[in-house]
Amino acid sequence: MSPIKLNEGPDSVRMLVLETDEPHPDTKESKGSFGDIFNNLFTEAGKEHDPPLGVETDMHYIVDDPENDHHGHVPHISEIGKDVTAILITGSMYDAHGDNPWIQKLIELLTALWKERPDMKFSGVCFGHQILARTLGAKVEPTEGGDWELAYTKMDLTPLGQRLFRTENRNLSLHQMHQDQVTTVPSPSTTSLLSSKDEVDVWASSDHTKIQGLYIRERLFTSQGHLGFDEKMVRRQIEARVESGGIKSEDRAAEAKETAHLKHDGNVVAGAILRFFHGDDRKIEER
């Protein structure tokens, strides 16, 4: 595991970030790895928490794909300390519905953690959201027609979403960068990891993606949208996908880049996930 970054506070959350990709080289030079980006984002969220929360972040790169020069390692459950009670999985260029050996190992790890560590709280962004949903038996598949959801996107909050984000607003905005999406909601009928007591909720939807995030009280809180992306990161990610052939419409890419500067609610979502990690979601009023 990479060294822990400790931000002192009267109370703290210890978070393990499983890095499933590396940022654009220019982003990495200025902001560090995706683990660093999340560490900084959640540290700021911790300062806004009442009372303030410290954040301890352990980072681990897990993409093991030597043919493409990725030499990460998916940890075994025994390598994750019992004092780690929060895990976050980043976005990735890889498909969460793929069968790469490291993805299969990741699903095995998440399954073991879900079964053996009932105190563990799970979060994921984009790929992370999708791989957690897949672990719980939901379908993850490409959007029909291959359409992308890109850059600044306004989402419609459910009543639960409004409570999670402590807002009366009906909308929340995040940067998006995906074709694949979760198309079914996990339930006891899709996996033995869930029981009839586990209520699985969708907290927001958009025209493109009906399942923008999943929530299980004290257990799961995911987001399809990217919390930590800024304007430069969005533009670089779009350009990289155009260059790789992933985004085939240059007009669509140009249109998306024009929204990259718009202020989004990544800090609001990070604050809600941090409260979830800390156990504050126990206080959310019953539905």
C-alpha atoms as a PDB file:
ATOM      1  CA  MET A   1       0.000   0.000   0.000  1.00  0.00           C
ATOM      2  CA  SER A   2       1.131   3.565  -0.661  1.00  0.00           C
ATOM      3  CA  PRO A   3       1.939   5.758   2.356  1.00  0.00           C
ATOM      4  CA  ILE A   4      -1.003   7.161   4.248  1.00  0.00           C
ATOM      5  CA  LYS A   5      -1.592  10.890   4.047  1.00  0.00           C
ATOM      6  CA  LEU A   6      -2.870  12.058   7.397  1.00  0.00           C
ATOM      7  CA  ASN A   7      -4.723  15.312   7.882  1.00  0.00           C
ATOM      8  CA  GLU A   8      -5.097  15.833  11.597  1.00  0.00           C
ATOM      9  CA  GLY A   9      -8.524  16.463  13.056  1.00  0.00           C
ATOM     10  CA  PRO A  10     -10.458  15.853  16.289  1.00  0.00           C
ATOM     11  CA  ASP A  11     -12.091  12.907  14.553  1.00  0.00           C
ATOM     12  CA  SER A  12     -11.091  11.196  11.332  1.00  0.00           C
ATOM     13  CA  VAL A  13     -12.117   8.815   8.577  1.00  0.00           C
ATOM     14  CA  ARG A  14      -9.609   6.313   7.209  1.00  0.00           C
ATOM     15  CA  MET A  15     -10.206   5.735   3.511  1.00  0.00           C
ATOM     16  CA  LEU A  16      -8.599   3.286   1.075  1.00  0.00           C
ATOM     17  CA  VAL A  17      -8.644   4.514  -2.523  1.00  0.00           C
ATOM     18  CA  LEU A  18      -8.274   1.737  -5.086  1.00  0.00           C
ATOM     19  CA  GLU A  19      -6.860   3.484  -8.155  1.00  0.00           C
ATOM     20  CA  THR A  20      -8.090   1.905 -11.391  1.00  0.00           C
ATOM     21  CA  ASP A  21      -6.445   4.370 -13.766  1.00  0.00           C
ATOM     22  CA  GLU A  22      -3.825   7.106 -13.936  1.00  0.00           C
ATOM     23  CA  PRO A  23      -4.560  10.748 -14.729  1.00  0.00           C
ATOM     24  CA  HIS A  24      -3.349  12.503 -17.863  1.00  0.00           C
ATOM     25  CA  PRO A  25       0.413  13.210 -17.420  1.00  0.00           C
ATOM     26  CA  ASP A  26      -0.195  16.977 -17.140  1.00  0.00           C
ATOM     27  CA  THR A  27      -2.838  16.395 -14.478  1.00  0.00           C
ATOM     28  CA  LYS A  28      -0.599  13.964 -12.613  1.00  0.00           C
ATOM     29  CA  GLU A  29       2.228  16.495 -12.589  1.00  0.00           C
ATOM     30  CA  SER A  30       0.045  19.217 -11.088  1.00  0.00           C
ATOM     31  CA  LYS A  31      -2.400  17.227  -8.932  1.00  0.00           C
ATOM     32  CA  GLY A  32      -0.851  13.790  -8.380  1.00  0.00           C
ATOM     33  CA  SER A  33      -2.591  10.448  -8.759  1.00  0.00           C
ATOM     34  CA  PHE A  34      -6.342   9.937  -8.578  1.00  0.00           C
ATOM     35  CA  GLY A  35      -5.792   8.943  -4.948  1.00  0.00           C
ATOM     36  CA  ASP A  36      -4.139  12.319  -4.311  1.00  0.00           C
ATOM     37  CA  ILE A  37      -7.024  14.104  -6.020  1.00  0.00           C
ATOM     38  CA  PHE A  38      -9.579  12.323  -3.824  1.00  0.00           C
ATOM     39  CA  ASN A  39      -7.462  12.893  -0.737  1.00  0.00           C
ATOM     40  CA  ASN A  40      -7.464  16.638  -1.384  1.00  0.00           C
ATOM     41  CA  LEU A  41     -11.179  16.697  -2.208  1.00  0.00           C
ATOM     42  CA  PHE A  42     -12.187  14.812   0.934  1.00  0.00           C
ATOM     43  CA  THR A  43      -9.775  16.818   3.086  1.00  0.00           C
ATOM     44  CA  GLU A  44     -11.603  19.982   2.042  1.00  0.00           C
ATOM     45  CA  ALA A  45     -14.937  18.253   2.695  1.00  0.00           C
ATOM     46  CA  GLY A  46     -13.653  17.312   6.147  1.00  0.00           C
ATOM     47  CA  LYS A  47     -12.957  20.958   6.943  1.00  0.00           C
ATOM     48  CA  GLU A  48     -16.578  21.786   6.118  1.00  0.00           C
ATOM     49  CA  HIS A  49     -17.949  18.965   8.263  1.00  0.00           C
ATOM     50  CA  ASP A  50     -19.506  19.957  11.597  1.00  0.00           C
ATOM     51  CA  PRO A  51     -17.432  19.320  13.617  1.00  0.00           C
ATOM     52  CA  PRO A  52     -14.382  19.151  11.280  1.00  0.00           C
ATOM     53  CA  LEU A  53     -13.155  15.708  10.283  1.00  0.00           C
ATOM     54  CA  GLY A  54      -9.624  14.576   9.537  1.00  0.00           C
ATOM     55  CA  VAL A  55      -9.065  12.266   6.569  1.00  0.00           C
ATOM     56  CA  GLU A  56      -6.484   9.474   6.402  1.00  0.00           C
ATOM     57  CA  THR A  57      -6.066   8.243   2.826  1.00  0.00           C
ATOM     58  CA  ASP A  58      -4.270   5.071   1.779  1.00  0.00           C
ATOM     59  CA  MET A  59      -3.832   4.652  -1.986  1.00  0.00           C
ATOM     60  CA  HIS A  60      -3.253   1.516  -4.014  1.00  0.00           C
ATOM     61  CA  TYR A  61      -2.932   1.185  -7.800  1.00  0.00           C
ATOM     62  CA  ILE A  62      -4.613  -2.062  -8.847  1.00  0.00           C
ATOM     63  CA  VAL A  63      -4.524  -2.267 -12.663  1.00  0.00           C
ATOM     64  CA  ASP A  64      -2.489  -5.378 -13.524  1.00  0.00           C
ATOM     65  CA  ASP A  65      -2.228  -5.361 -17.319  1.00  0.00           C
ATOM     66  CA  PRO A  66       1.447  -5.851 -18.274  1.00  0.00           C
ATOM     67  CA  GLU A  67       0.696  -5.911 -22.012  1.00  0.00           C
ATOM     68  CA  ASN A  68      -0.392  -2.275 -21.706  1.00  0.00           C
ATOM     69  CA  ASP A  69       2.377  -1.380 -19.231  1.00  0.00           C
ATOM     70  CA  HIS A  70       0.203  -1.379 -16.119  1.00  0.00           C
ATOM     71  CA  HIS A  71       1.797  -3.193 -13.202  1.00  0.00           C
ATOM     72  CA  GLY A  72      -0.575  -2.715 -10.311  1.00  0.00           C
ATOM     73  CA  HIS A  73      -1.797  -5.286  -7.822  1.00  0.00           C
ATOM     74  CA  VAL A  74      -5.259  -6.088  -6.479  1.00  0.00           C
ATOM     75  CA  PRO A  75      -4.723  -6.620  -2.751  1.00  0.00           C
ATOM     76  CA  HIS A  76      -5.927  -9.661  -0.871  1.00  0.00           C
ATOM     77  CA  ILE A  77      -8.432  -8.995   1.904  1.00  0.00           C
ATOM     78  CA  SER A  78      -5.699  -9.859   4.439  1.00  0.00           C
ATOM     79  CA  GLU A  79      -3.678  -6.862   3.196  1.00  0.00           C
ATOM     80  CA  ILE A  80      -6.414  -4.393   4.156  1.00  0.00           C
ATOM     81  CA  GLY A  81      -6.132  -3.398   7.800  1.00  0.00           C
ATOM     82  CA  LYS A  82      -9.104  -3.833  10.097  1.00  0.00           C
ATOM     83  CA  ASP A  83      -8.918  -0.110  10.909  1.00  0.00           C
ATOM     84  CA  VAL A  84      -9.831   0.717   7.288  1.00  0.00           C
ATOM     85  CA  THR A  85     -13.619   1.036   7.196  1.00  0.00           C
ATOM     86  CA  ALA A  86     -14.116   3.086   4.020  1.00  0.00           C
ATOM     87  CA  ILE A  87     -13.160   2.116   0.483  1.00  0.00           C
ATOM     88  CA  LEU A  88     -13.460   4.177  -2.698  1.00  0.00           C
ATOM     89  CA  ILE A  89     -12.868   2.900  -6.240  1.00  0.00           C
ATOM     90  CA  THR A  90     -11.898   5.436  -8.900  1.00  0.00           C
ATOM     91  CA  GLY A  91     -12.900   5.876 -12.519  1.00  0.00           C
ATOM     92  CA  SER A  92     -11.063   4.016 -15.262  1.00  0.00           C
ATOM     93  CA  MET A  93     -10.524   3.747 -19.018  1.00  0.00           C
ATOM     94  CA  TYR A  94     -11.370   0.029 -18.634  1.00  0.00           C
ATOM     95  CA  ASP A  95     -14.886  -1.382 -18.975  1.00  0.00           C
ATOM     96  CA  ALA A  96     -16.503  -2.450 -15.708  1.00  0.00           C
ATOM     97  CA  HIS A  97     -18.348  -5.188 -17.641  1.00  0.00           C
ATOM     98  CA  GLY A  98     -15.030  -6.543 -18.951  1.00  0.00           C
ATOM     99  CA  ASP A  99     -13.365  -9.787 -17.966  1.00  0.00           C
ATOM    100  CA  ASN A 100      -9.768  -8.645 -17.544  1.00  0.00           C
ATOM    101  CA  PRO A 101      -8.104 -10.831 -14.872  1.00  0.00           C
ATOM    102  CA  TRP A 102      -7.509  -7.850 -12.563  1.00  0.00           C
ATOM    103  CA  ILE A 103     -11.182  -6.854 -12.820  1.00  0.00           C
ATOM    104  CA  GLN A 104     -12.209 -10.387 -11.854  1.00  0.00           C
ATOM    105  CA  LYS A 105      -9.816 -10.204  -8.886  1.00  0.00           C
ATOM    106  CA  LEU A 106     -11.306  -6.863  -7.880  1.00  0.00           C
ATOM    107  CA  ILE A 107     -14.815  -8.337  -7.883  1.00  0.00           C
ATOM    108  CA  GLU A 108     -13.542 -11.237  -5.759  1.00  0.00           C
ATOM    109  CA  LEU A 109     -11.992  -8.767  -3.294  1.00  0.00           C
ATOM    110  CA  LEU A 110     -15.160  -6.672  -3.061  1.00  0.00           C
ATOM    111  CA  THR A 111     -17.266  -9.783  -2.562  1.00  0.00           C
ATOM    112  CA  ALA A 112     -14.981 -11.001   0.231  1.00  0.00           C
ATOM    113  CA  LEU A 113     -14.990  -7.585   1.915  1.00  0.00           C
ATOM    114  CA  TRP A 114     -18.780  -7.358   1.693  1.00  0.00           C
ATOM    115  CA  LYS A 115     -19.160 -10.785   3.301  1.00  0.00           C
ATOM    116  CA  GLU A 116     -16.373 -10.652   5.900  1.00  0.00           C
ATOM    117  CA  ARG A 117     -16.209  -6.962   6.839  1.00  0.00           C
ATOM    118  CA  PRO A 118     -19.726  -5.809   7.763  1.00  0.00           C
ATOM    119  CA  ASP A 119     -18.267  -2.528   9.043  1.00  0.00           C
ATOM    120  CA  MET A 120     -16.861  -1.645   5.590  1.00  0.00           C
ATOM    121  CA  LYS A 121     -18.530   1.186   3.671  1.00  0.00           C
ATOM    122  CA  PHE A 122     -18.190   1.157  -0.111  1.00  0.00           C
ATOM    123  CA  SER A 123     -18.095   4.026  -2.576  1.00  0.00           C
ATOM    124  CA  GLY A 124     -17.121   4.276  -6.224  1.00  0.00           C
ATOM    125  CA  VAL A 125     -17.016   6.846  -8.987  1.00  0.00           C
ATOM    126  CA  CYS A 126     -17.827   6.075 -12.647  1.00  0.00           C
ATOM    127  CA  PHE A 127     -16.027   2.716 -13.146  1.00  0.00           C
ATOM    128  CA  GLY A 128     -16.098   2.307  -9.352  1.00  0.00           C
ATOM    129  CA  HIS A 129     -19.868   2.858  -9.264  1.00  0.00           C
ATOM    130  CA  GLN A 130     -20.326   0.339 -12.061  1.00  0.00           C
ATOM    131  CA  ILE A 131     -18.032  -2.361 -10.647  1.00  0.00           C
ATOM    132  CA  LEU A 132     -19.749  -2.205  -7.249  1.00  0.00           C
ATOM    133  CA  ALA A 133     -23.130  -2.517  -8.949  1.00  0.00           C
ATOM    134  CA  ARG A 134     -21.831  -5.485 -10.960  1.00  0.00           C
ATOM    135  CA  THR A 135     -20.513  -7.109  -7.772  1.00  0.00           C
ATOM    136  CA  LEU A 136     -24.065  -6.888  -6.412  1.00  0.00           C
ATOM    137  CA  GLY A 137     -25.500  -8.534  -9.514  1.00  0.00           C
ATOM    138  CA  ALA A 138     -26.687  -5.479 -11.443  1.00  0.00           C
ATOM    139  CA  LYS A 139     -26.236  -5.110 -15.196  1.00  0.00           C
ATOM    140  CA  VAL A 140     -23.507  -2.851 -16.550  1.00  0.00           C
ATOM    141  CA  GLU A 141     -23.589  -2.321 -20.298  1.00  0.00           C
ATOM    142  CA  PRO A 142     -22.792   0.162 -23.059  1.00  0.00           C
ATOM    143  CA  THR A 143     -25.339   2.836 -23.806  1.00  0.00           C
ATOM    144  CA  GLU A 144     -27.536   1.921 -26.751  1.00  0.00           C
ATOM    145  CA  GLY A 145     -26.089   3.617 -29.820  1.00  0.00           C
ATOM    146  CA  GLY A 146     -22.778   4.257 -28.075  1.00  0.00           C
ATOM    147  CA  ASP A 147     -23.737   7.777 -27.012  1.00  0.00           C
ATOM    148  CA  TRP A 148     -21.477   9.478 -24.462  1.00  0.00           C
ATOM    149  CA  GLU A 149     -22.527  11.500 -21.442  1.00  0.00           C
ATOM    150  CA  LEU A 150     -19.820  14.157 -21.275  1.00  0.00           C
ATOM    151  CA  ALA A 151     -18.742  17.065 -19.089  1.00  0.00           C
ATOM    152  CA  TYR A 152     -21.209  19.245 -17.178  1.00  0.00           C
ATOM    153  CA  THR A 153     -24.465  17.356 -16.604  1.00  0.00           C
ATOM    154  CA  LYS A 154     -27.520  18.359 -14.602  1.00  0.00           C
ATOM    155  CA  MET A 155     -29.134  15.479 -12.716  1.00  0.00           C
ATOM    156  CA  ASP A 156     -32.581  15.165 -11.146  1.00  0.00           C
ATOM    157  CA  LEU A 157     -32.445  14.281  -7.454  1.00  0.00           C
ATOM    158  CA  THR A 158     -34.833  11.837  -5.840  1.00  0.00           C
ATOM    159  CA  PRO A 159     -36.286  12.754  -2.407  1.00  0.00           C
ATOM    160  CA  LEU A 160     -33.609  10.531  -0.845  1.00  0.00           C
ATOM    161  CA  GLY A 161     -30.950  12.350  -2.855  1.00  0.00           C
ATOM    162  CA  GLN A 162     -32.180  15.658  -1.459  1.00  0.00           C
ATOM    163  CA  ARG A 163     -31.794  14.292   2.070  1.00  0.00           C
ATOM    164  CA  LEU A 164     -28.338  12.859   1.384  1.00  0.00           C
ATOM    165  CA  PHE A 165     -27.119  16.189   0.027  1.00  0.00           C
ATOM    166  CA  ARG A 166     -29.051  18.283   2.556  1.00  0.00           C
ATOM    167  CA  THR A 167     -30.721  20.393  -0.089  1.00  0.00           C
ATOM    168  CA  GLU A 168     -34.201  21.372  -1.199  1.00  0.00           C
ATOM    169  CA  ASN A 169     -32.936  21.830  -4.765  1.00  0.00           C
ATOM    170  CA  ARG A 170     -34.279  19.333  -7.268  1.00  0.00           C
ATOM    171  CA  ASN A 171     -31.056  19.251  -9.291  1.00  0.00           C
ATOM    172  CA  LEU A 172     -27.357  18.556  -8.813  1.00  0.00           C
ATOM    173  CA  SER A 173     -24.590  18.854 -11.422  1.00  0.00           C
ATOM    174  CA  LEU A 174     -21.427  16.819 -11.976  1.00  0.00           C
ATOM    175  CA  HIS A 175     -18.944  16.273 -14.784  1.00  0.00           C
ATOM    176  CA  GLN A 176     -19.542  12.998 -16.649  1.00  0.00           C
ATOM    177  CA  MET A 177     -17.237  10.915 -18.837  1.00  0.00           C
ATOM    178  CA  HIS A 178     -18.842   7.605 -19.819  1.00  0.00           C
ATOM    179  CA  GLN A 179     -20.633   5.432 -22.354  1.00  0.00           C
ATOM    180  CA  ASP A 180     -21.246   2.418 -20.098  1.00  0.00           C
ATOM    181  CA  GLN A 181     -23.834   2.609 -17.370  1.00  0.00           C
ATOM    182  CA  VAL A 182     -25.619   0.608 -14.693  1.00  0.00           C
ATOM    183  CA  THR A 183     -28.987  -0.361 -16.138  1.00  0.00           C
ATOM    184  CA  THR A 184     -30.580  -2.370 -13.301  1.00  0.00           C
ATOM    185  CA  VAL A 185     -30.767  -1.846  -9.549  1.00  0.00           C
ATOM    186  CA  PRO A 186     -29.172  -4.518  -7.326  1.00  0.00           C
ATOM    187  CA  SER A 187     -31.545  -6.474  -5.117  1.00  0.00           C
ATOM    188  CA  PRO A 188     -31.747  -9.771  -3.199  1.00  0.00           C
ATOM    189  CA  SER A 189     -32.898 -11.311  -6.491  1.00  0.00           C
ATOM    190  CA  THR A 190     -29.584 -10.403  -8.184  1.00  0.00           C
ATOM    191  CA  THR A 191     -27.149 -11.426  -5.434  1.00  0.00           C
ATOM    192  CA  SER A 192     -26.862 -13.365  -2.212  1.00  0.00           C
ATOM    193  CA  LEU A 193     -24.861 -10.443  -0.796  1.00  0.00           C
ATOM    194  CA  LEU A 194     -28.113  -8.543  -0.204  1.00  0.00           C
ATOM    195  CA  SER A 195     -31.022  -9.514   2.032  1.00  0.00           C
ATOM    196  CA  SER A 196     -34.632  -8.374   2.114  1.00  0.00           C
ATOM    197  CA  LYS A 197     -33.600  -5.820   4.768  1.00  0.00           C
ATOM    198  CA  ASP A 198     -31.261  -4.043   2.343  1.00  0.00           C
ATOM    199  CA  GLU A 199     -33.082  -1.184   0.646  1.00  0.00           C
ATOM    200  CA  VAL A 200     -31.235  -0.091  -2.499  1.00  0.00           C
ATOM    201  CA  ASP A 201     -32.059   3.398  -3.729  1.00  0.00           C
ATOM    202  CA  VAL A 202     -31.175   5.481  -6.764  1.00  0.00           C
ATOM    203  CA  TRP A 203     -30.367   9.041  -5.654  1.00  0.00           C
ATOM    204  CA  ALA A 204     -30.398  10.811  -9.052  1.00  0.00           C
ATOM    205  CA  SER A 205     -30.989  10.348 -12.765  1.00  0.00           C
ATOM    206  CA  SER A 206     -30.328  12.188 -16.029  1.00  0.00           C
ATOM    207  CA  ASP A 207     -31.776  11.917 -19.528  1.00  0.00           C
ATOM    208  CA  HIS A 208     -28.804   9.767 -20.547  1.00  0.00           C
ATOM    209  CA  THR A 209     -28.353   7.702 -17.377  1.00  0.00           C
ATOM    210  CA  LYS A 210     -31.261   6.725 -15.165  1.00  0.00           C
ATOM    211  CA  ILE A 211     -29.048   5.313 -12.403  1.00  0.00           C
ATOM    212  CA  GLN A 212     -26.629   8.121 -11.523  1.00  0.00           C
ATOM    213  CA  GLY A 213     -25.877   6.765  -8.086  1.00  0.00           C
ATOM    214  CA  LEU A 214     -26.790   3.977  -5.684  1.00  0.00           C
ATOM    215  CA  TYR A 215     -27.263   4.066  -1.948  1.00  0.00           C
ATOM    216  CA  ILE A 216     -27.669   1.472   0.806  1.00  0.00           C
ATOM    217  CA  ARG A 217     -27.741   2.937   4.288  1.00  0.00           C
ATOM    218  CA  GLU A 218     -24.413   2.468   6.119  1.00  0.00           C
ATOM    219  CA  ARG A 219     -23.085   0.260   3.295  1.00  0.00           C
ATOM    220  CA  LEU A 220     -22.986   1.746  -0.216  1.00  0.00           C
ATOM    221  CA  PHE A 221     -22.893   5.232  -1.785  1.00  0.00           C
ATOM    222  CA  THR A 222     -21.791   5.483  -5.432  1.00  0.00           C
ATOM    223  CA  SER A 223     -21.688   8.156  -8.132  1.00  0.00           C
ATOM    224  CA  GLN A 224     -21.590   7.823 -11.902  1.00  0.00           C
ATOM    225  CA  GLY A 225     -20.419  11.447 -12.144  1.00  0.00           C
ATOM    226  CA  HIS A 226     -16.883  12.597 -11.325  1.00  0.00           C
ATOM    227  CA  LEU A 227     -16.541  14.532  -8.067  1.00  0.00           C
ATOM    228  CA  GLY A 228     -12.960  15.678  -8.495  1.00  0.00           C
ATOM    229  CA  PHE A 229     -12.791  16.759 -12.138  1.00  0.00           C
ATOM    230  CA  ASP A 230     -12.050  20.391 -12.961  1.00  0.00           C
ATOM    231  CA  GLU A 231     -12.110  22.203 -16.293  1.00  0.00           C
ATOM    232  CA  LYS A 232      -8.591  21.231 -17.366  1.00  0.00           C
ATOM    233  CA  MET A 233      -9.109  17.595 -16.406  1.00  0.00           C
ATOM    234  CA  VAL A 234     -12.379  17.400 -18.354  1.00  0.00           C
ATOM    235  CA  ARG A 235     -10.801  18.879 -21.464  1.00  0.00           C
ATOM    236  CA  ARG A 236      -7.802  16.535 -21.256  1.00  0.00           C
ATOM    237  CA  GLN A 237      -9.972  13.471 -20.729  1.00  0.00           C
ATOM    238  CA  ILE A 238     -12.160  14.353 -23.714  1.00  0.00           C
ATOM    239  CA  GLU A 239      -9.127  14.978 -25.924  1.00  0.00           C
ATOM    240  CA  ALA A 240      -7.579  11.662 -24.864  1.00  0.00           C
ATOM    241  CA  ARG A 241     -10.750   9.788 -25.766  1.00  0.00           C
ATOM    242  CA  VAL A 242     -10.965  11.536 -29.139  1.00  0.00           C
ATOM    243  CA  GLU A 243      -7.340  10.599 -29.854  1.00  0.00           C
ATOM    244  CA  SER A 244      -7.939   6.970 -28.835  1.00  0.00           C
ATOM    245  CA  GLY A 245     -11.029   6.746 -31.044  1.00  0.00           C
ATOM    246  CA  GLY A 246     -13.395   6.293 -28.109  1.00  0.00           C
ATOM    247  CA  ILE A 247     -15.266   9.513 -28.859  1.00  0.00           C
ATOM    248  CA  LYS A 248     -15.920   9.464 -32.590  1.00  0.00           C
ATOM    249  CA  SER A 249     -17.857  12.729 -32.944  1.00  0.00           C
ATOM    250  CA  GLU A 250     -15.563  15.752 -32.821  1.00  0.00           C
ATOM    251  CA  ASP A 251     -18.627  18.002 -32.768  1.00  0.00           C
ATOM    252  CA  ARG A 252     -19.917  16.221 -29.645  1.00  0.00           C
ATOM    253  CA  ALA A 253     -16.479  16.531 -28.043  1.00  0.00           C
ATOM    254  CA  ALA A 254     -16.265  20.244 -28.844  1.00  0.00           C
ATOM    255  CA  GLU A 255     -19.755  20.827 -27.460  1.00  0.00           C
ATOM    256  CA  ALA A 256     -18.857  19.049 -24.220  1.00  0.00           C
ATOM    257  CA  LYS A 257     -15.617  20.992 -23.771  1.00  0.00           C
ATOM    258  CA  GLU A 258     -17.617  24.227 -23.944  1.00  0.00           C
ATOM    259  CA  THR A 259     -19.330  23.229 -20.669  1.00  0.00           C
ATOM    260  CA  ALA A 260     -16.140  22.203 -18.850  1.00  0.00           C
ATOM    261  CA  HIS A 261     -15.803  25.573 -17.120  1.00  0.00           C
ATOM    262  CA  LEU A 262     -19.219  25.452 -15.484  1.00  0.00           C
ATOM    263  CA  LYS A 263     -19.305  25.153 -11.701  1.00  0.00           C
ATOM    264  CA  HIS A 264     -20.436  21.713 -10.595  1.00  0.00           C
ATOM    265  CA  ASP A 265     -21.316  20.137  -7.238  1.00  0.00           C
ATOM    266  CA  GLY A 266     -18.403  17.759  -6.716  1.00  0.00           C
ATOM    267  CA  ASN A 267     -17.676  19.258  -3.299  1.00  0.00           C
ATOM    268  CA  VAL A 268     -21.309  18.723  -2.272  1.00  0.00           C
ATOM    269  CA  VAL A 269     -21.192  15.059  -3.301  1.00  0.00           C
ATOM    270  CA  ALA A 270     -17.817  14.556  -1.603  1.00  0.00           C
ATOM    271  CA  GLY A 271     -19.247  16.019   1.597  1.00  0.00           C
ATOM    272  CA  ALA A 272     -22.193  13.616   1.493  1.00  0.00           C
ATOM    273  CA  ILE A 273     -19.963  10.598   0.878  1.00  0.00           C
ATOM    274  CA  LEU A 274     -17.661  11.668   3.713  1.00  0.00           C
ATOM    275  CA  ARG A 275     -20.665  11.916   6.042  1.00  0.00           C
ATOM    276  CA  PHE A 276     -21.640   8.416   4.898  1.00  0.00           C
ATOM    277  CA  PHE A 277     -18.119   7.133   5.632  1.00  0.00           C
ATOM    278  CA  HIS A 278     -18.298   8.736   9.076  1.00  0.00           C
ATOM    279  CA  GLY A 279     -21.663   7.141   9.836  1.00  0.00           C
ATOM    280  CA  ASP A 280     -23.745  10.315   9.714  1.00  0.00           C
ATOM    281  CA  ASP A 281     -26.224   8.753   7.302  1.00  0.00           C
ATOM    282  CA  ARG A 282     -27.710   6.904  10.263  1.00  0.00           C
ATOM    283  CA  LYS A 283     -29.369  10.233  11.046  1.00  0.00           C
ATOM    284  CA  ILE A 284     -31.181  10.515   7.727  1.00  0.00           C
ATOM    285  CA  GLU A 285     -34.886  10.446   8.460  1.00  0.00           C
ATOM    286  CA  GLU A 286     -36.781   7.328   7.584  1.00  0.00           C
ATOM    287  CA  ARG A 287     -38.422   7.208   4.189  1.00  0.00           C
END
